[in-house]
Amino acid sequence: MTQKAAAAEARVPRQPSRSDPFGITVLAAIAVVMLAWIAGLVWAAMAFFNWLVA
């Protein structure tokens, strides 16, 4: 009985996955913020070592 129920449950058609504009926007915003953060860290390191050598 449970095998029949599991088999019937497994055949339920799923909706095709579609792109979520809000999710893509959030991921893009996170990527931009991460790139800005990394660029700031690189700039700070370069400024520090430039100050250290000078």
PDB file of N, CA and C in Angstrom:
ATOM      1  N   MET A   1       0.824  -1.189   0.000  1.00  0.00           N
ATOM      2  CA  MET A   1       0.000   0.000   0.000  1.00  0.00           C
ATOM      3  C   MET A   1       0.871   1.258   0.000  1.00  0.00           C
ATOM      4  N   THR A   2       1.895   1.278   0.846  1.00  0.00           N
ATOM      5  CA  THR A   2       2.742   2.473   0.888  1.00  0.00           C
ATOM      6  C   THR A   2       3.571   2.608  -0.376  1.00  0.00           C
ATOM      7  N   GLN A   3       3.907   1.500  -1.013  1.00  0.00           N
ATOM      8  CA  GLN A   3       4.661   1.592  -2.267  1.00  0.00           C
ATOM      9  C   GLN A   3       3.806   2.213  -3.361  1.00  0.00           C
ATOM     10  N   LYS A   4       2.525   1.884  -3.415  1.00  0.00           N
ATOM     11  CA  LYS A   4       1.647   2.477  -4.417  1.00  0.00           C
ATOM     12  C   LYS A   4       1.488   3.972  -4.172  1.00  0.00           C
ATOM     13  N   ALA A   5       1.365   4.356  -2.922  1.00  0.00           N
ATOM     14  CA  ALA A   5       1.226   5.774  -2.605  1.00  0.00           C
ATOM     15  C   ALA A   5       2.502   6.527  -2.959  1.00  0.00           C
ATOM     16  N   ALA A   6       3.647   5.932  -2.697  1.00  0.00           N
ATOM     17  CA  ALA A   6       4.911   6.581  -3.016  1.00  0.00           C
ATOM     18  C   ALA A   6       5.089   6.685  -4.517  1.00  0.00           C
ATOM     19  N   ALA A   7       4.682   5.652  -5.250  1.00  0.00           N
ATOM     20  CA  ALA A   7       4.813   5.692  -6.708  1.00  0.00           C
ATOM     21  C   ALA A   7       3.880   6.743  -7.299  1.00  0.00           C
ATOM     22  N   ALA A   8       2.671   6.849  -6.777  1.00  0.00           N
ATOM     23  CA  ALA A   8       1.731   7.845  -7.281  1.00  0.00           C
ATOM     24  C   ALA A   8       2.226   9.252  -6.945  1.00  0.00           C
ATOM     25  N   GLU A   9       2.838   9.402  -5.790  1.00  0.00           N
ATOM     26  CA  GLU A   9       3.323  10.707  -5.390  1.00  0.00           C
ATOM     27  C   GLU A   9       4.536  11.125  -6.231  1.00  0.00           C
ATOM     28  N   ALA A  10       5.324  10.168  -6.661  1.00  0.00           N
ATOM     29  CA  ALA A  10       6.529  10.481  -7.428  1.00  0.00           C
ATOM     30  C   ALA A  10       6.190  10.926  -8.846  1.00  0.00           C
ATOM     31  N   ARG A  11       5.011  10.587  -9.355  1.00  0.00           N
ATOM     32  CA  ARG A  11       4.659  10.928 -10.726  1.00  0.00           C
ATOM     33  C   ARG A  11       3.958  12.272 -10.860  1.00  0.00           C
ATOM     34  N   VAL A  12       3.903  13.047  -9.797  1.00  0.00           N
ATOM     35  CA  VAL A  12       3.248  14.356  -9.860  1.00  0.00           C
ATOM     36  C   VAL A  12       4.109  15.269 -10.725  1.00  0.00           C
ATOM     37  N   PRO A  13       3.545  15.839 -11.778  1.00  0.00           N
ATOM     38  CA  PRO A  13       4.366  16.705 -12.650  1.00  0.00           C
ATOM     39  C   PRO A  13       4.749  17.991 -11.932  1.00  0.00           C
ATOM     40  N   ARG A  14       5.985  18.378 -12.130  1.00  0.00           N
ATOM     41  CA  ARG A  14       6.470  19.604 -11.515  1.00  0.00           C
ATOM     42  C   ARG A  14       6.336  20.755 -12.496  1.00  0.00           C
ATOM     43  N   GLN A  15       6.257  21.952 -11.952  1.00  0.00           N
ATOM     44  CA  GLN A  15       6.257  23.126 -12.819  1.00  0.00           C
ATOM     45  C   GLN A  15       7.674  23.326 -13.343  1.00  0.00           C
ATOM     46  N   PRO A  16       7.808  23.695 -14.596  1.00  0.00           N
ATOM     47  CA  PRO A  16       9.157  23.955 -15.100  1.00  0.00           C
ATOM     48  C   PRO A  16       9.784  25.138 -14.369  1.00  0.00           C
ATOM     49  N   SER A  17      11.047  25.005 -14.037  1.00  0.00           N
ATOM     50  CA  SER A  17      11.692  26.083 -13.299  1.00  0.00           C
ATOM     51  C   SER A  17      11.897  27.274 -14.233  1.00  0.00           C
ATOM     52  N   ARG A  18      11.498  28.435 -13.737  1.00  0.00           N
ATOM     53  CA  ARG A  18      11.651  29.647 -14.536  1.00  0.00           C
ATOM     54  C   ARG A  18      12.493  30.638 -13.750  1.00  0.00           C
ATOM     55  N   SER A  19      13.110  31.539 -14.450  1.00  0.00           N
ATOM     56  CA  SER A  19      13.985  32.486 -13.776  1.00  0.00           C
ATOM     57  C   SER A  19      13.157  33.473 -12.959  1.00  0.00           C
ATOM     58  N   ASP A  20      13.664  33.796 -11.816  1.00  0.00           N
ATOM     59  CA  ASP A  20      12.999  34.721 -10.909  1.00  0.00           C
ATOM     60  C   ASP A  20      13.695  36.075 -11.012  1.00  0.00           C
ATOM     61  N   PRO A  21      13.044  37.085 -11.579  1.00  0.00           N
ATOM     62  CA  PRO A  21      13.714  38.384 -11.759  1.00  0.00           C
ATOM     63  C   PRO A  21      14.184  39.004 -10.442  1.00  0.00           C
ATOM     64  N   PHE A  22      13.390  38.863  -9.385  1.00  0.00           N
ATOM     65  CA  PHE A  22      13.800  39.439  -8.094  1.00  0.00           C
ATOM     66  C   PHE A  22      15.034  38.731  -7.555  1.00  0.00           C
ATOM     67  N   GLY A  23      15.065  37.402  -7.679  1.00  0.00           N
ATOM     68  CA  GLY A  23      16.227  36.655  -7.202  1.00  0.00           C
ATOM     69  C   GLY A  23      17.481  36.995  -7.984  1.00  0.00           C
ATOM     70  N   ILE A  24      17.330  37.150  -9.296  1.00  0.00           N
ATOM     71  CA  ILE A  24      18.482  37.517 -10.118  1.00  0.00           C
ATOM     72  C   ILE A  24      18.967  38.913  -9.752  1.00  0.00           C
ATOM     73  N   THR A  25      18.044  39.815  -9.476  1.00  0.00           N
ATOM     74  CA  THR A  25      18.415  41.175  -9.080  1.00  0.00           C
ATOM     75  C   THR A  25      19.161  41.173  -7.756  1.00  0.00           C
ATOM     76  N   VAL A  26      18.687  40.365  -6.811  1.00  0.00           N
ATOM     77  CA  VAL A  26      19.352  40.285  -5.507  1.00  0.00           C
ATOM     78  C   VAL A  26      20.751  39.710  -5.660  1.00  0.00           C
ATOM     79  N   LEU A  27      20.893  38.659  -6.463  1.00  0.00           N
ATOM     80  CA  LEU A  27      22.217  38.066  -6.673  1.00  0.00           C
ATOM     81  C   LEU A  27      23.156  39.049  -7.361  1.00  0.00           C
ATOM     82  N   ALA A  28      22.642  39.803  -8.324  1.00  0.00           N
ATOM     83  CA  ALA A  28      23.477  40.799  -9.001  1.00  0.00           C
ATOM     84  C   ALA A  28      23.921  41.886  -8.031  1.00  0.00           C
ATOM     85  N   ALA A  29      23.016  42.312  -7.160  1.00  0.00           N
ATOM     86  CA  ALA A  29      23.370  43.332  -6.173  1.00  0.00           C
ATOM     87  C   ALA A  29      24.431  42.811  -5.204  1.00  0.00           C
ATOM     88  N   ILE A  30      24.292  41.569  -4.788  1.00  0.00           N
ATOM     89  CA  ILE A  30      25.289  40.972  -3.897  1.00  0.00           C
ATOM     90  C   ILE A  30      26.638  40.895  -4.592  1.00  0.00           C
ATOM     91  N   ALA A  31      26.641  40.520  -5.864  1.00  0.00           N
ATOM     92  CA  ALA A  31      27.894  40.425  -6.619  1.00  0.00           C
ATOM     93  C   ALA A  31      28.557  41.790  -6.750  1.00  0.00           C
ATOM     94  N   VAL A  32      27.769  42.832  -7.003  1.00  0.00           N
ATOM     95  CA  VAL A  32      28.333  44.186  -7.127  1.00  0.00           C
ATOM     96  C   VAL A  32      28.922  44.633  -5.800  1.00  0.00           C
ATOM     97  N   VAL A  33      28.212  44.381  -4.716  1.00  0.00           N
ATOM     98  CA  VAL A  33      28.711  44.785  -3.390  1.00  0.00           C
ATOM     99  C   VAL A  33      29.982  44.021  -3.047  1.00  0.00           C
ATOM    100  N   MET A  34      30.034  42.731  -3.371  1.00  0.00           N
ATOM    101  CA  MET A  34      31.237  41.948  -3.090  1.00  0.00           C
ATOM    102  C   MET A  34      32.427  42.459  -3.901  1.00  0.00           C
ATOM    103  N   LEU A  35      32.193  42.775  -5.185  1.00  0.00           N
ATOM    104  CA  LEU A  35      33.283  43.298  -6.007  1.00  0.00           C
ATOM    105  C   LEU A  35      33.780  44.639  -5.464  1.00  0.00           C
ATOM    106  N   ALA A  36      32.858  45.496  -5.040  1.00  0.00           N
ATOM    107  CA  ALA A  36      33.260  46.788  -4.473  1.00  0.00           C
ATOM    108  C   ALA A  36      34.052  46.587  -3.178  1.00  0.00           C
ATOM    109  N   TRP A  37      33.631  45.644  -2.356  1.00  0.00           N
ATOM    110  CA  TRP A  37      34.321  45.363  -1.097  1.00  0.00           C
ATOM    111  C   TRP A  37      35.738  44.855  -1.359  1.00  0.00           C
ATOM    112  N   ILE A  38      35.871  43.925  -2.303  1.00  0.00           N
ATOM    113  CA  ILE A  38      37.193  43.383  -2.625  1.00  0.00           C
ATOM    114  C   ILE A  38      38.075  44.465  -3.234  1.00  0.00           C
ATOM    115  N   ALA A  39      37.501  45.301  -4.114  1.00  0.00           N
ATOM    116  CA  ALA A  39      38.281  46.393  -4.703  1.00  0.00           C
ATOM    117  C   ALA A  39      38.742  47.367  -3.617  1.00  0.00           C
ATOM    118  N   GLY A  40      37.898  47.632  -2.649  1.00  0.00           N
ATOM    119  CA  GLY A  40      38.296  48.498  -1.542  1.00  0.00           C
ATOM    120  C   GLY A  40      39.419  47.897  -0.713  1.00  0.00           C
ATOM    121  N   LEU A  41      39.354  46.600  -0.475  1.00  0.00           N
ATOM    122  CA  LEU A  41      40.427  45.946   0.274  1.00  0.00           C
ATOM    123  C   LEU A  41      41.748  45.979  -0.494  1.00  0.00           C
ATOM    124  N   VAL A  42      41.681  45.744  -1.800  1.00  0.00           N
ATOM    125  CA  VAL A  42      42.896  45.789  -2.625  1.00  0.00           C
ATOM    126  C   VAL A  42      43.459  47.205  -2.633  1.00  0.00           C
ATOM    127  N   TRP A  43      42.589  48.203  -2.792  1.00  0.00           N
ATOM    128  CA  TRP A  43      43.049  49.591  -2.780  1.00  0.00           C
ATOM    129  C   TRP A  43      43.696  49.939  -1.434  1.00  0.00           C
ATOM    130  N   ALA A  44      43.089  49.520  -0.344  1.00  0.00           N
ATOM    131  CA  ALA A  44      43.634  49.807   0.987  1.00  0.00           C
ATOM    132  C   ALA A  44      44.983  49.131   1.183  1.00  0.00           C
ATOM    133  N   ALA A  45      45.107  47.895   0.710  1.00  0.00           N
ATOM    134  CA  ALA A  45      46.392  47.197   0.841  1.00  0.00           C
ATOM    135  C   ALA A  45      47.468  47.894   0.025  1.00  0.00           C
ATOM    136  N   MET A  46      47.120  48.309  -1.195  1.00  0.00           N
ATOM    137  CA  MET A  46      48.095  49.018  -2.026  1.00  0.00           C
ATOM    138  C   MET A  46      48.495  50.338  -1.389  1.00  0.00           C
ATOM    139  N   ALA A  47      47.537  51.072  -0.837  1.00  0.00           N
ATOM    140  CA  ALA A  47      47.843  52.341  -0.188  1.00  0.00           C
ATOM    141  C   ALA A  47      48.718  52.124   1.041  1.00  0.00           C
ATOM    142  N   PHE A  48      48.420  51.085   1.806  1.00  0.00           N
ATOM    143  CA  PHE A  48      49.218  50.808   3.002  1.00  0.00           C
ATOM    144  C   PHE A  48      50.654  50.463   2.637  1.00  0.00           C
ATOM    145  N   PHE A  49      50.821  49.563   1.661  1.00  0.00           N
ATOM    146  CA  PHE A  49      52.193  49.180   1.295  1.00  0.00           C
ATOM    147  C   PHE A  49      52.927  50.324   0.613  1.00  0.00           C
ATOM    148  N   ASN A  50      52.218  51.173  -0.109  1.00  0.00           N
ATOM    149  CA  ASN A  50      52.848  52.346  -0.688  1.00  0.00           C
ATOM    150  C   ASN A  50      53.323  53.296   0.412  1.00  0.00           C
ATOM    151  N   TRP A  51      52.496  53.467   1.447  1.00  0.00           N
ATOM    152  CA  TRP A  51      52.892  54.288   2.581  1.00  0.00           C
ATOM    153  C   TRP A  51      54.058  53.659   3.345  1.00  0.00           C
ATOM    154  N   LEU A  52      54.054  52.334   3.441  1.00  0.00           N
ATOM    155  CA  LEU A  52      55.090  51.634   4.177  1.00  0.00           C
ATOM    156  C   LEU A  52      56.446  51.780   3.488  1.00  0.00           C
ATOM    157  N   VAL A  53      56.453  51.707   2.170  1.00  0.00           N
ATOM    158  CA  VAL A  53      57.705  51.786   1.420  1.00  0.00           C
ATOM    159  C   VAL A  53      58.202  53.223   1.337  1.00  0.00           C
ATOM    160  N   ALA A  54      57.286  54.168   1.241  1.00  0.00           N
ATOM    161  CA  ALA A  54      57.695  55.578   1.042  1.00  0.00           C
ATOM    162  C   ALA A  54      58.346  56.168   2.276  1.00  0.00           C
TER     163      ALA A  54
END
